[in-house]
């Protein structure tokens, strides 16, 4: 948003010399040396008044928890958390079965944690704005999806390397142990 103002003429003193005008502390406008009006952009977090003479600070807008748009987001996120939690409990109770062992317990657990954290992100975004909350709002979604993608990539890479080496030789594939998979995800 831009603001526009007309230059003010200095008042003359009794001796015919212009008196210096005391300027208010926040001076949003400036004038060219020729006395023409100059447009200035208001700083971030402010907008011009209706006459475009000064910048007004914007009020902090927060939708709150009971806003009609936030309720469906919270409900869907709660369903996702409940579903992921239920899958996590089944995963933990059946962790020693051959199917869970074959799918890679560690990488599957990392993937479940990433999905669970992804469903927590909307609640973080519904909190009242604060420096820490705003920083986490920018960091958390990307971090959660990175954890998920890293787990999927590590599983896919492991399976591809196992099939590639098993077709050409009978020696064991390197870096397919659970610890090395977690290291690959962490890096």
Protein backbone atom coordinates (compact mmCIF):
# COMPACT_ATOMS: atom_id res chain seq x y z
CA UNK A 1 0.00 0.00 0.00
CA UNK A 2 1.21 3.49 -0.76
CA UNK A 3 0.58 6.77 1.03
CA UNK A 4 0.50 10.21 -0.58
CA UNK A 5 0.73 13.62 1.05
CA UNK A 6 0.98 17.25 0.01
CA UNK A 7 4.05 19.16 1.22
CA UNK A 8 3.50 21.49 4.15
CA UNK A 9 4.75 25.09 3.87
CA UNK A 10 6.77 26.28 6.83
CA UNK A 11 5.26 29.15 8.83
CA UNK A 12 7.09 32.44 8.60
CA UNK A 13 8.49 34.14 11.69
CA UNK A 14 8.41 37.89 12.42
CA UNK A 15 11.82 38.32 10.78
CA UNK A 16 10.70 36.77 7.49
CA UNK A 17 12.74 33.60 7.99
CA UNK A 18 10.99 30.23 7.95
CA UNK A 19 10.54 28.61 11.37
CA UNK A 20 11.71 25.00 11.63
CA UNK A 21 8.73 22.69 11.94
CA UNK A 22 8.91 20.12 14.73
CA UNK A 23 8.23 16.76 13.15
CA UNK A 24 6.40 13.98 14.94
CA UNK A 25 8.54 11.00 15.92
CA UNK A 26 7.03 8.47 13.48
CA UNK A 27 7.39 10.31 10.15
CA UNK A 28 5.96 8.03 7.46
CA UNK A 29 6.14 10.61 4.64
CA UNK A 30 8.98 12.38 2.89
CA UNK A 31 8.98 15.20 0.38
CA UNK A 32 11.16 15.84 -2.60
CA UNK A 33 13.42 18.90 -2.60
CA UNK A 34 11.17 20.55 -5.20
CA UNK A 35 8.19 20.42 -2.84
CA UNK A 36 6.24 17.80 -4.80
CA UNK A 37 4.35 15.01 -3.17
CA UNK A 38 6.08 11.66 -2.78
CA UNK A 39 4.54 8.21 -2.41
CA UNK A 40 5.98 5.84 0.13
CA UNK A 41 5.18 2.22 0.73
CA UNK A 42 3.92 1.42 4.21
CA UNK A 43 6.12 -1.05 6.10
CA UNK A 44 5.05 -4.66 6.58
CA UNK A 45 2.28 -5.02 9.12
CA UNK A 46 0.68 -1.66 8.30
CA UNK A 47 -1.60 -0.08 5.73
CA UNK A 48 -2.46 3.51 4.75
CA UNK A 49 -5.37 5.36 6.31
CA UNK A 50 -8.36 6.16 4.02
CA UNK A 51 -6.89 9.58 3.11
CA UNK A 52 -3.49 7.95 2.40
CA UNK A 53 -1.69 10.38 4.70
CA UNK A 54 -0.09 8.00 7.22
CA UNK A 55 0.45 4.33 7.90
CA UNK A 56 -1.76 2.52 10.40
CA UNK A 57 -0.63 -0.66 12.09
CA UNK A 58 -2.74 -3.69 11.19
CA UNK A 59 -4.42 -5.49 14.09
CA UNK A 60 -3.35 -9.07 14.77
CA UNK A 61 -5.98 -11.42 13.33
CA UNK A 62 -6.43 -14.84 14.90
CA UNK A 63 -9.33 -17.08 14.00
CA UNK A 64 -9.48 -18.92 17.32
CA UNK A 65 -10.63 -22.46 17.98
CA UNK A 66 -14.36 -21.99 17.43
CA UNK A 67 -14.21 -20.38 13.99
CA UNK A 68 -16.31 -22.31 11.44
CA UNK A 69 -13.26 -22.99 9.25
CA UNK A 70 -11.11 -24.39 12.06
CA UNK A 71 -13.59 -26.95 13.39
CA UNK A 72 -13.51 -29.27 10.32
CA UNK A 73 -9.73 -29.10 10.23
CA UNK A 74 -9.52 -30.06 13.89
CA UNK A 75 -12.02 -32.90 13.46
CA UNK A 76 -10.26 -34.37 10.40
CA UNK A 77 -6.92 -34.08 12.16
CA UNK A 78 -8.33 -35.81 15.25
CA UNK A 79 -9.60 -38.68 13.06
CA UNK A 80 -6.18 -38.96 11.46
CA UNK A 81 -4.49 -39.00 14.85
CA UNK A 82 -6.86 -41.69 16.12
CA UNK A 83 -6.37 -43.84 13.01
CA UNK A 84 -2.60 -43.49 13.10
CA UNK A 85 -2.59 -44.24 16.83
CA UNK A 86 -4.68 -47.38 16.25
CA UNK A 87 -2.30 -48.55 13.51
CA UNK A 88 0.61 -47.83 15.84
CA UNK A 89 -0.90 -49.98 18.58
CA UNK A 90 -1.49 -52.85 16.15
CA UNK A 91 2.05 -52.39 14.86
CA UNK A 92 3.46 -52.59 18.39
CA UNK A 93 1.38 -55.62 19.38
CA UNK A 94 2.32 -57.55 16.22
CA UNK A 95 5.94 -56.36 15.94
CA UNK A 96 7.40 -59.89 16.13
CA UNK A 97 5.30 -61.37 13.33
CA UNK A 98 7.04 -62.25 10.04
CA UNK A 99 5.00 -59.72 8.06
CA UNK A 100 6.05 -56.76 10.23
CA UNK A 101 9.66 -57.98 10.31
CA UNK A 102 9.72 -58.29 6.52
CA UNK A 103 8.34 -54.80 6.00
CA UNK A 104 11.14 -53.26 8.04
CA UNK A 105 10.02 -52.51 11.58
CA UNK A 106 12.27 -49.54 12.13
CA UNK A 107 11.48 -47.70 8.92
CA UNK A 108 7.76 -48.44 9.34
CA UNK A 109 7.89 -47.05 12.87
CA UNK A 110 9.61 -43.88 11.61
CA UNK A 111 6.94 -43.55 8.92
CA UNK A 112 4.14 -43.91 11.50
CA UNK A 113 5.77 -41.27 13.72
CA UNK A 114 6.05 -38.91 10.74
CA UNK A 115 2.38 -39.40 9.85
CA UNK A 116 1.34 -38.88 13.48
CA UNK A 117 3.33 -35.64 13.67
CA UNK A 118 1.80 -34.51 10.36
CA UNK A 119 -1.66 -34.80 11.90
CA UNK A 120 -0.48 -32.70 14.87
CA UNK A 121 0.57 -29.79 12.63
CA UNK A 122 -2.94 -28.33 12.15
CA UNK A 123 -3.30 -27.94 15.91
CA UNK A 124 -0.01 -26.07 15.99
CA UNK A 125 -1.33 -23.74 13.29
CA UNK A 126 -4.50 -23.06 15.27
CA UNK A 127 -2.58 -21.77 18.29
CA UNK A 128 -2.49 -18.06 19.03
CA UNK A 129 0.39 -16.44 17.09
CA UNK A 130 3.63 -16.10 19.04
CA UNK A 131 7.27 -16.06 18.00
CA UNK A 132 7.85 -19.72 18.90
CA UNK A 133 4.51 -20.85 17.44
CA UNK A 134 5.19 -19.01 14.18
CA UNK A 135 8.67 -20.54 13.92
CA UNK A 136 7.31 -24.04 14.54
CA UNK A 137 4.48 -23.45 12.08
CA UNK A 138 7.05 -22.88 9.34
CA UNK A 139 9.35 -25.72 10.43
CA UNK A 140 7.00 -28.54 11.48
CA UNK A 141 5.09 -29.39 8.27
CA UNK A 142 8.23 -29.66 6.18
CA UNK A 143 10.02 -31.67 8.85
CA UNK A 144 7.11 -34.11 9.23
CA UNK A 145 6.86 -34.79 5.52
CA UNK A 146 10.63 -35.08 5.26
CA UNK A 147 10.55 -37.82 7.90
CA UNK A 148 7.82 -39.64 5.96
CA UNK A 149 9.60 -39.32 2.62
CA UNK A 150 12.93 -40.38 4.12
CA UNK A 151 11.38 -43.56 5.52
CA UNK A 152 9.73 -44.43 2.20
CA UNK A 153 12.93 -43.69 0.29
CA UNK A 154 15.03 -45.83 2.66
CA UNK A 155 12.61 -48.77 2.30
CA UNK A 156 12.55 -48.48 -1.49
CA UNK A 157 16.32 -48.12 -1.69
CA UNK A 158 16.86 -51.18 0.51
CA UNK A 159 14.56 -53.38 -1.57
CA UNK A 160 16.08 -52.19 -4.86
CA UNK A 161 19.61 -52.86 -3.61
CA UNK A 162 18.67 -56.33 -2.33
CA UNK A 163 17.16 -57.34 -5.68
CA UNK A 164 20.02 -55.79 -7.66
CA UNK A 165 22.74 -57.63 -5.73
CA UNK A 166 20.82 -60.93 -5.46
CA UNK A 167 20.50 -61.11 -9.24
CA UNK A 168 24.23 -60.73 -9.84
CA UNK A 169 25.89 -62.51 -6.87
CA UNK A 170 25.23 -64.47 -3.73
CA UNK A 171 26.99 -62.17 -1.27
CA UNK A 172 25.02 -60.18 1.29
CA UNK A 173 23.94 -56.63 0.46
CA UNK A 174 25.61 -53.84 2.44
CA UNK A 175 23.66 -51.35 4.53
CA UNK A 176 20.44 -53.34 4.80
CA UNK A 177 20.48 -53.82 8.57
CA UNK A 178 17.90 -51.94 10.68
CA UNK A 179 20.57 -49.71 12.24
CA UNK A 180 21.95 -48.71 8.84
CA UNK A 181 18.40 -47.98 7.62
CA UNK A 182 17.86 -45.61 10.55
CA UNK A 183 21.21 -43.99 9.78
CA UNK A 184 20.14 -43.49 6.15
CA UNK A 185 16.86 -41.92 7.29
CA UNK A 186 18.67 -39.65 9.76
CA UNK A 187 21.11 -38.41 7.21
